[in-house]
């Protein structure tokens, strides 16, 4: 039982440290995460290519192509992770803008049915559209905010783990 408590407290402390790092250094946290993903992609891609070359499994050209794409993407993530941050955020900006525009169109179509809810809903849709424009124009800023929000969540999670453990040990 002592090892459980020790491991639980170590997990909580590591979660808090990770959260603080994400909160204080969001861009570095994103780049480290992308590099880790790059390493995983490289390993998976190399395994697929080696399996194809050695003929350990049925030679599937599609798997070979997927392996080549994984190696290429993994290498790119290792060398230039910052390039992916902007693309990722920009894509989310487009998705958010699309949702906001659809909401605005639908609200305009149904405004005659429920006037009381129309004004707050239109304000929220317009605010969402403004957020989308910010995300599209400033993708790095969006990535930093999202990373910092996750960092705060991790800090809260780690602290709640410690609190729960202290109450249990009581």
Protein backbone atom coordinates (compact mmCIF):
# COMPACT_ATOMS: atom_id res chain seq x y z
CA UNK A 1 0.00 0.00 0.00
CA UNK A 2 2.94 2.34 0.67
CA UNK A 3 4.13 1.97 -2.93
CA UNK A 4 0.66 2.97 -4.14
CA UNK A 5 0.79 6.19 -2.11
CA UNK A 6 4.36 6.92 -3.21
CA UNK A 7 3.56 6.31 -6.90
CA UNK A 8 0.36 8.35 -6.66
CA UNK A 9 2.18 11.33 -5.14
CA UNK A 10 4.95 11.06 -7.76
CA UNK A 11 2.31 11.01 -10.52
CA UNK A 12 0.62 14.07 -9.00
CA UNK A 13 3.90 15.99 -8.76
CA UNK A 14 4.86 15.11 -12.35
CA UNK A 15 1.42 16.22 -13.57
CA UNK A 16 1.81 19.53 -11.72
CA UNK A 17 5.32 20.06 -13.13
CA UNK A 18 4.08 19.32 -16.66
CA UNK A 19 1.16 21.71 -16.12
CA UNK A 20 3.45 24.50 -14.91
CA UNK A 21 5.76 23.93 -17.89
CA UNK A 22 2.81 24.12 -20.30
CA UNK A 23 1.54 27.25 -18.57
CA UNK A 24 4.89 29.08 -18.46
CA UNK A 25 6.43 27.84 -21.73
CA UNK A 26 3.53 26.94 -24.04
CA UNK A 27 5.50 27.15 -27.30
CA UNK A 28 8.28 24.88 -26.03
CA UNK A 29 5.69 22.42 -24.70
CA UNK A 30 4.02 22.28 -28.12
CA UNK A 31 7.36 21.74 -29.86
CA UNK A 32 8.35 18.95 -27.46
CA UNK A 33 5.00 17.26 -27.95
CA UNK A 34 5.34 17.50 -31.74
CA UNK A 35 8.88 16.10 -31.57
CA UNK A 36 7.64 13.13 -29.53
CA UNK A 37 4.93 12.53 -32.14
CA UNK A 38 7.66 12.78 -34.80
CA UNK A 39 9.75 10.12 -33.07
CA UNK A 40 6.74 7.80 -32.83
CA UNK A 41 5.92 8.34 -36.52
CA UNK A 42 9.55 7.67 -37.47
CA UNK A 43 9.61 4.41 -35.52
CA UNK A 44 6.28 3.21 -36.94
CA UNK A 45 7.33 4.17 -40.47
CA UNK A 46 10.71 2.48 -40.23
CA UNK A 47 9.09 -0.69 -38.89
CA UNK A 48 6.64 -0.73 -41.82
CA UNK A 49 9.45 -0.23 -44.34
CA UNK A 50 11.67 -2.90 -42.74
CA UNK A 51 8.78 -5.39 -42.61
CA UNK A 52 8.12 -4.73 -46.30
CA UNK A 53 11.78 -5.10 -47.30
CA UNK A 54 12.41 -8.26 -45.25
CA UNK A 55 9.19 -9.86 -46.46
CA UNK A 56 8.17 -10.94 -42.92
CA UNK A 57 4.57 -10.25 -43.87
CA UNK A 58 2.76 -10.13 -47.16
CA UNK A 59 4.29 -7.38 -49.30
CA UNK A 60 1.65 -4.69 -49.23
CA UNK A 61 2.64 -1.62 -51.25
CA UNK A 62 0.07 0.51 -49.42
CA UNK A 63 1.78 -0.25 -46.10
CA UNK A 64 5.13 0.63 -47.65
CA UNK A 65 3.72 3.97 -48.84
CA UNK A 66 2.23 4.64 -45.41
CA UNK A 67 5.62 3.85 -43.87
CA UNK A 68 7.35 6.30 -46.21
CA UNK A 69 4.79 9.01 -45.37
CA UNK A 70 5.22 8.31 -41.64
CA UNK A 71 9.02 8.55 -41.89
CA UNK A 72 8.77 11.77 -43.88
CA UNK A 73 6.23 13.37 -41.51
CA UNK A 74 8.18 12.17 -38.46
CA UNK A 75 11.43 13.63 -39.78
CA UNK A 76 9.72 16.91 -40.61
CA UNK A 77 8.20 17.08 -37.10
CA UNK A 78 11.61 16.49 -35.56
CA UNK A 79 13.34 19.12 -37.68
CA UNK A 80 10.64 21.81 -37.97
CA UNK A 81 7.93 21.27 -35.34
CA UNK A 82 7.02 24.96 -35.32
CA UNK A 83 5.74 24.66 -38.91
CA UNK A 84 3.02 22.26 -37.77
CA UNK A 85 1.81 24.51 -34.94
CA UNK A 86 0.55 27.13 -37.36
CA UNK A 87 -1.06 24.60 -39.70
CA UNK A 88 -2.83 22.88 -36.80
CA UNK A 89 -4.19 26.13 -35.37
CA UNK A 90 -5.13 27.53 -38.77
CA UNK A 91 -7.14 24.38 -39.51
CA UNK A 92 -9.03 24.75 -36.23
CA UNK A 93 -9.71 28.39 -37.11
CA UNK A 94 -11.33 27.33 -40.38
CA UNK A 95 -13.45 24.70 -38.56
CA UNK A 96 -14.55 27.23 -35.92
CA UNK A 97 -15.37 29.86 -38.58
CA UNK A 98 -17.41 27.34 -40.57
CA UNK A 99 -19.42 26.43 -37.45
CA UNK A 100 -20.02 30.08 -36.61
CA UNK A 101 -21.17 30.90 -40.14
CA UNK A 102 -23.54 27.91 -40.20
CA UNK A 103 -24.94 29.05 -36.83
CA UNK A 104 -25.45 32.60 -38.09
CA UNK A 105 -27.25 31.40 -41.22
CA UNK A 106 -29.51 29.09 -39.20
CA UNK A 107 -30.23 31.79 -36.62
CA UNK A 108 -31.25 34.24 -39.31
CA UNK A 109 -33.56 31.60 -40.81
CA UNK A 110 -35.28 30.81 -37.48
CA UNK A 111 -35.28 34.27 -35.84
CA UNK A 112 -39.04 34.69 -36.30
CA UNK A 113 -39.78 31.61 -34.16
CA UNK A 114 -38.00 32.56 -30.91
CA UNK A 115 -37.09 36.22 -30.65
CA UNK A 116 -36.06 36.01 -26.96
CA UNK A 117 -33.23 33.57 -27.68
CA UNK A 118 -32.22 35.17 -30.97
CA UNK A 119 -30.17 38.08 -29.57
CA UNK A 120 -27.97 36.06 -27.15
CA UNK A 121 -27.50 33.33 -29.77
CA UNK A 122 -26.49 35.81 -32.47
CA UNK A 123 -24.04 37.48 -30.06
CA UNK A 124 -22.45 34.09 -29.27
CA UNK A 125 -22.22 33.17 -32.97
CA UNK A 126 -20.60 36.52 -33.78
CA UNK A 127 -18.18 36.13 -30.85
CA UNK A 128 -17.29 32.66 -32.14
CA UNK A 129 -16.68 34.08 -35.61
CA UNK A 130 -14.39 36.76 -34.14
CA UNK A 131 -12.50 34.02 -32.25
CA UNK A 132 -12.14 32.08 -35.49
CA UNK A 133 -10.71 35.11 -37.29
CA UNK A 134 -8.19 35.59 -34.45
CA UNK A 135 -7.21 31.92 -34.65
CA UNK A 136 -6.75 32.16 -38.43
CA UNK A 137 -4.76 35.41 -38.27
CA UNK A 138 -2.74 34.58 -35.14
CA UNK A 139 -2.42 30.77 -35.03
CA UNK A 140 0.57 30.75 -32.67
CA UNK A 141 -1.35 32.81 -30.11
CA UNK A 142 -4.23 30.31 -30.21
CA UNK A 143 -1.85 27.39 -29.73
CA UNK A 144 -0.28 29.10 -26.73
CA UNK A 145 -3.68 29.77 -25.13
CA UNK A 146 -4.85 26.21 -25.66
CA UNK A 147 -1.61 24.83 -24.22
CA UNK A 148 -1.85 27.14 -21.22
CA UNK A 149 -5.44 26.07 -20.56
CA UNK A 150 -4.34 22.43 -20.62
CA UNK A 151 -1.47 23.36 -18.29
CA UNK A 152 -3.86 24.90 -15.78
CA UNK A 153 -6.07 21.80 -16.01
CA UNK A 154 -3.08 19.56 -15.27
CA UNK A 155 -2.08 21.67 -12.28
CA UNK A 156 -5.61 21.44 -10.89
CA UNK A 157 -5.64 17.67 -11.54
CA UNK A 158 -2.32 17.17 -9.74
CA UNK A 159 -3.41 19.26 -6.78
CA UNK A 160 -6.71 17.39 -6.54
CA UNK A 161 -4.80 14.09 -6.56
CA UNK A 162 -2.67 15.29 -3.65
CA UNK A 163 -5.76 16.55 -1.81
CA UNK A 164 -7.59 13.26 -2.35
CA UNK A 165 -4.58 11.31 -1.12
CA UNK A 166 -4.19 13.48 1.98
CA UNK A 167 -7.86 12.98 2.85
CA UNK A 168 -7.59 9.23 2.29
CA UNK A 169 -4.50 8.93 4.49
CA UNK A 170 -6.24 11.27 6.93
